[in-house]
Amino acid sequence: MSIKRLSIIALLLSTTACTTVLTQTTGEDGIREDPYLRTAGTVVEDESIETKVTVNMRSQNETFREANFDVVSHNGVVLLVGQVQSEALKSEATQIASEASVHVRRVHNEMEVAGRRSLLSRGNDTWLATKVRTQLTANDDINANRMRVVANDGTIYLMGIVERDEGSRAIALSRSVGGVQRVVNVFEYL
């Protein structure tokens, strides 16, 4: 027999053996994916979506270069926050975000029509998001690793894939943190 045939036979036997072992050890339900788990590919795709939306907004309309906004993507759900100069720009931001990638599933545009905020105000948002993340992480009934917390102008945006009761607990806990003016639910529920 040639080496090529022996290699093919060895490959087939090893694949079959692996499948047999998995079938015998996994039980009746077989192998199931964790619906809460974000794969490395999903994380990279979300980062790519964020970059594409930001670059496309700034390149397709120069007015966005002077606007203060953030783009956050979690499992293809895009959140737009910040300040723009007009309702027309806000609508255009939604359109650009929805067309930026085939992996964009939904766009939540929470941009405000307002002037730019100060560096101090944006720093307060960073501190507020940290306080909320800390409270979520410290709570044993909430898996904060499955959630993303975004703060903008005193508003907390919660993103992630959660069960409804866990999401409700996270929202209630976030509302109780000092300095939080409003909580917006962008969760996906299982």
Protein backbone atom coordinates (compact mmCIF):
# COMPACT_ATOMS: atom_id res chain seq x y z
CA MET A 1 0.00 0.00 0.00
CA SER A 2 1.13 3.51 -0.67
CA ILE A 3 1.76 6.05 2.03
CA LYS A 4 -1.13 8.14 0.73
CA ARG A 5 -3.63 5.29 1.23
CA LEU A 6 -2.29 4.52 4.69
CA SER A 7 -2.62 8.19 5.64
CA ILE A 8 -6.23 8.31 4.45
CA ILE A 9 -7.12 5.13 6.33
CA ALA A 10 -5.43 6.40 9.51
CA LEU A 11 -7.30 9.72 9.22
CA LEU A 12 -10.66 7.98 8.75
CA LEU A 13 -10.06 5.65 11.69
CA SER A 14 -9.01 8.48 14.00
CA THR A 15 -12.02 10.60 13.02
CA THR A 16 -14.40 7.68 13.53
CA ALA A 17 -12.82 6.82 16.86
CA CYS A 18 -13.15 10.40 18.09
CA THR A 19 -16.81 10.54 17.05
CA THR A 20 -17.51 7.24 18.78
CA VAL A 21 -15.93 8.43 22.02
CA LEU A 22 -17.88 11.70 21.93
CA THR A 23 -21.15 9.94 21.17
CA GLN A 24 -20.68 7.53 24.06
CA THR A 25 -19.69 10.20 26.60
CA THR A 26 -22.04 13.12 25.89
CA GLY A 27 -25.41 11.57 26.75
CA GLU A 28 -28.76 11.85 25.02
CA ASP A 29 -28.60 15.59 24.33
CA GLY A 30 -25.34 15.42 22.41
CA ILE A 31 -23.03 18.42 22.23
CA ARG A 32 -24.69 21.79 22.73
CA GLU A 33 -23.31 25.26 22.36
CA ASP A 34 -23.57 27.70 25.22
CA PRO A 35 -25.93 30.43 23.91
CA TYR A 36 -24.36 32.96 26.30
CA LEU A 37 -20.81 32.36 25.08
CA ARG A 38 -19.35 34.89 22.68
CA THR A 39 -16.74 33.22 20.52
CA ALA A 40 -13.47 34.88 19.61
CA GLY A 41 -14.86 35.26 16.09
CA THR A 42 -17.92 37.10 17.41
CA VAL A 43 -15.76 39.45 19.47
CA VAL A 44 -13.54 40.20 16.46
CA GLU A 45 -16.60 40.73 14.24
CA ASP A 46 -18.10 43.17 16.78
CA GLU A 47 -14.84 45.13 16.85
CA SER A 48 -14.83 45.16 13.05
CA ILE A 49 -18.43 46.45 13.00
CA GLU A 50 -17.54 49.23 15.45
CA THR A 51 -14.59 50.30 13.31
CA LYS A 52 -16.55 50.15 10.03
CA VAL A 53 -19.46 52.18 11.39
CA THR A 54 -17.19 54.84 12.90
CA VAL A 55 -15.02 55.17 9.79
CA ASN A 56 -18.01 55.16 7.43
CA MET A 57 -19.83 57.83 9.42
CA ARG A 58 -16.80 60.12 9.45
CA SER A 59 -15.91 59.52 5.81
CA GLN A 60 -19.44 59.74 4.34
CA ASN A 61 -20.33 62.98 6.13
CA GLU A 62 -17.65 65.33 7.44
CA THR A 63 -20.05 66.72 10.06
CA PHE A 64 -19.63 63.47 11.99
CA ARG A 65 -15.94 64.33 12.43
CA GLU A 66 -16.99 67.14 14.78
CA ALA A 67 -19.66 65.11 16.57
CA ASN A 68 -19.04 63.30 19.85
CA PHE A 69 -20.32 59.73 19.50
CA ASP A 70 -19.53 56.13 20.33
CA VAL A 71 -20.36 52.94 18.45
CA VAL A 72 -20.74 49.74 20.47
CA SER A 73 -21.50 46.35 18.94
CA HIS A 74 -22.44 43.22 20.88
CA ASN A 75 -23.35 40.10 18.88
CA GLY A 76 -24.17 42.26 15.88
CA VAL A 77 -26.47 44.59 17.83
CA VAL A 78 -25.14 48.12 17.31
CA LEU A 79 -25.66 50.89 19.87
CA LEU A 80 -25.04 54.49 18.82
CA VAL A 81 -24.67 57.02 21.64
CA GLY A 82 -23.42 60.59 21.86
CA GLN A 83 -24.32 63.96 20.45
CA VAL A 84 -24.99 65.08 16.88
CA GLN A 85 -26.03 68.46 15.50
CA SER A 86 -29.39 67.52 13.92
CA GLU A 87 -32.13 64.91 13.55
CA ALA A 88 -31.01 64.43 9.94
CA LEU A 89 -27.53 63.41 11.13
CA LYS A 90 -29.06 61.05 13.68
CA SER A 91 -31.11 59.36 10.93
CA GLU A 92 -28.09 59.22 8.65
CA ALA A 93 -26.08 57.56 11.44
CA THR A 94 -28.70 54.81 11.69
CA GLN A 95 -28.61 54.26 7.93
CA ILE A 96 -24.80 54.14 7.78
CA ALA A 97 -24.62 51.74 10.75
CA SER A 98 -27.21 49.37 9.30
CA GLU A 99 -25.32 49.17 5.99
CA ALA A 100 -21.80 48.90 7.43
CA SER A 101 -21.69 45.10 7.60
CA VAL A 102 -23.85 42.11 6.76
CA HIS A 103 -23.30 41.06 10.39
CA VAL A 104 -25.25 44.05 11.77
CA ARG A 105 -28.50 42.55 13.07
CA ARG A 106 -30.06 45.61 14.70
CA VAL A 107 -29.23 49.26 15.31
CA HIS A 108 -30.28 51.15 18.46
CA ASN A 109 -29.69 54.85 17.86
CA GLU A 110 -29.70 56.67 21.19
CA MET A 111 -27.87 59.76 19.91
CA GLU A 112 -29.02 63.13 21.21
CA VAL A 113 -29.35 66.27 19.15
CA ALA A 114 -27.12 68.50 21.28
CA GLY A 115 -23.73 70.18 21.40
CA ARG A 116 -20.49 68.47 22.36
CA ARG A 117 -20.04 67.54 26.00
CA SER A 118 -17.00 68.48 28.03
CA LEU A 119 -14.12 66.16 28.77
CA LEU A 120 -15.08 66.25 32.46
CA SER A 121 -18.62 65.14 31.64
CA ARG A 122 -17.33 62.24 29.54
CA GLY A 123 -14.95 61.31 32.36
CA ASN A 124 -17.93 61.16 34.73
CA ASP A 125 -19.57 58.67 32.35
CA THR A 126 -16.49 56.46 32.52
CA TRP A 127 -16.65 56.55 36.31
CA LEU A 128 -20.39 55.84 36.29
CA ALA A 129 -19.96 52.81 33.98
CA THR A 130 -17.22 51.50 36.29
CA LYS A 131 -19.47 51.83 39.34
CA VAL A 132 -22.29 49.96 37.59
CA ARG A 133 -19.93 47.21 36.33
CA THR A 134 -18.55 46.81 39.85
CA GLN A 135 -22.04 46.41 41.34
CA LEU A 136 -23.05 43.91 38.65
CA THR A 137 -19.86 41.91 39.16
CA ALA A 138 -20.28 41.85 42.95
CA ASN A 139 -23.82 40.47 42.70
CA ASP A 140 -23.94 36.66 42.83
CA ASP A 141 -27.28 36.52 40.97
CA ILE A 142 -25.91 38.30 37.89
CA ASN A 143 -23.26 37.08 35.46
CA ALA A 144 -21.66 40.39 34.53
CA ASN A 145 -19.31 38.67 32.08
CA ARG A 146 -22.23 38.30 29.67
CA MET A 147 -23.09 42.00 29.81
CA ARG A 148 -21.73 45.17 28.37
CA VAL A 149 -22.20 48.46 30.21
CA VAL A 150 -22.07 51.75 28.30
CA ALA A 151 -22.58 55.17 29.92
CA ASN A 152 -23.44 58.41 28.16
CA ASP A 153 -24.60 61.62 29.83
CA GLY A 154 -25.74 59.83 33.01
CA THR A 155 -27.62 57.13 31.10
CA ILE A 156 -26.56 53.49 31.41
CA TYR A 157 -27.06 51.17 28.44
CA LEU A 158 -27.03 47.43 29.20
CA MET A 159 -26.25 45.01 26.38
CA GLY A 160 -25.79 41.25 26.22
CA ILE A 161 -27.56 37.92 25.98
CA VAL A 162 -29.34 37.14 29.25
CA GLU A 163 -32.41 35.46 30.65
CA ARG A 164 -35.28 37.85 31.36
CA ASP A 165 -35.08 37.60 35.17
CA GLU A 166 -31.32 38.18 35.18
CA GLY A 167 -31.79 41.21 32.91
CA SER A 168 -34.44 42.60 35.26
CA ARG A 169 -32.09 42.21 38.23
CA ALA A 170 -29.28 43.95 36.33
CA ILE A 171 -31.56 46.84 35.36
CA ALA A 172 -32.82 47.28 38.94
CA LEU A 173 -29.29 47.14 40.34
CA SER A 174 -28.03 49.67 37.76
CA ARG A 175 -30.85 52.08 38.65
CA SER A 176 -29.77 51.98 42.29
CA VAL A 177 -26.22 53.18 41.58
CA GLY A 178 -25.65 56.80 42.56
CA GLY A 179 -25.43 59.15 39.58
CA VAL A 180 -27.42 56.96 37.19
CA GLN A 181 -30.20 59.08 35.71
CA ARG A 182 -31.71 56.49 33.40
CA VAL A 183 -31.16 52.85 32.36
CA VAL A 184 -31.79 51.69 28.79
CA ASN A 185 -32.26 47.99 28.16
CA VAL A 186 -30.60 46.73 24.96
CA PHE A 187 -30.52 43.10 26.14
CA GLU A 188 -31.31 40.11 23.96
CA TYR A 189 -33.31 37.55 25.92
CA LEU A 190 -33.10 33.77 25.83
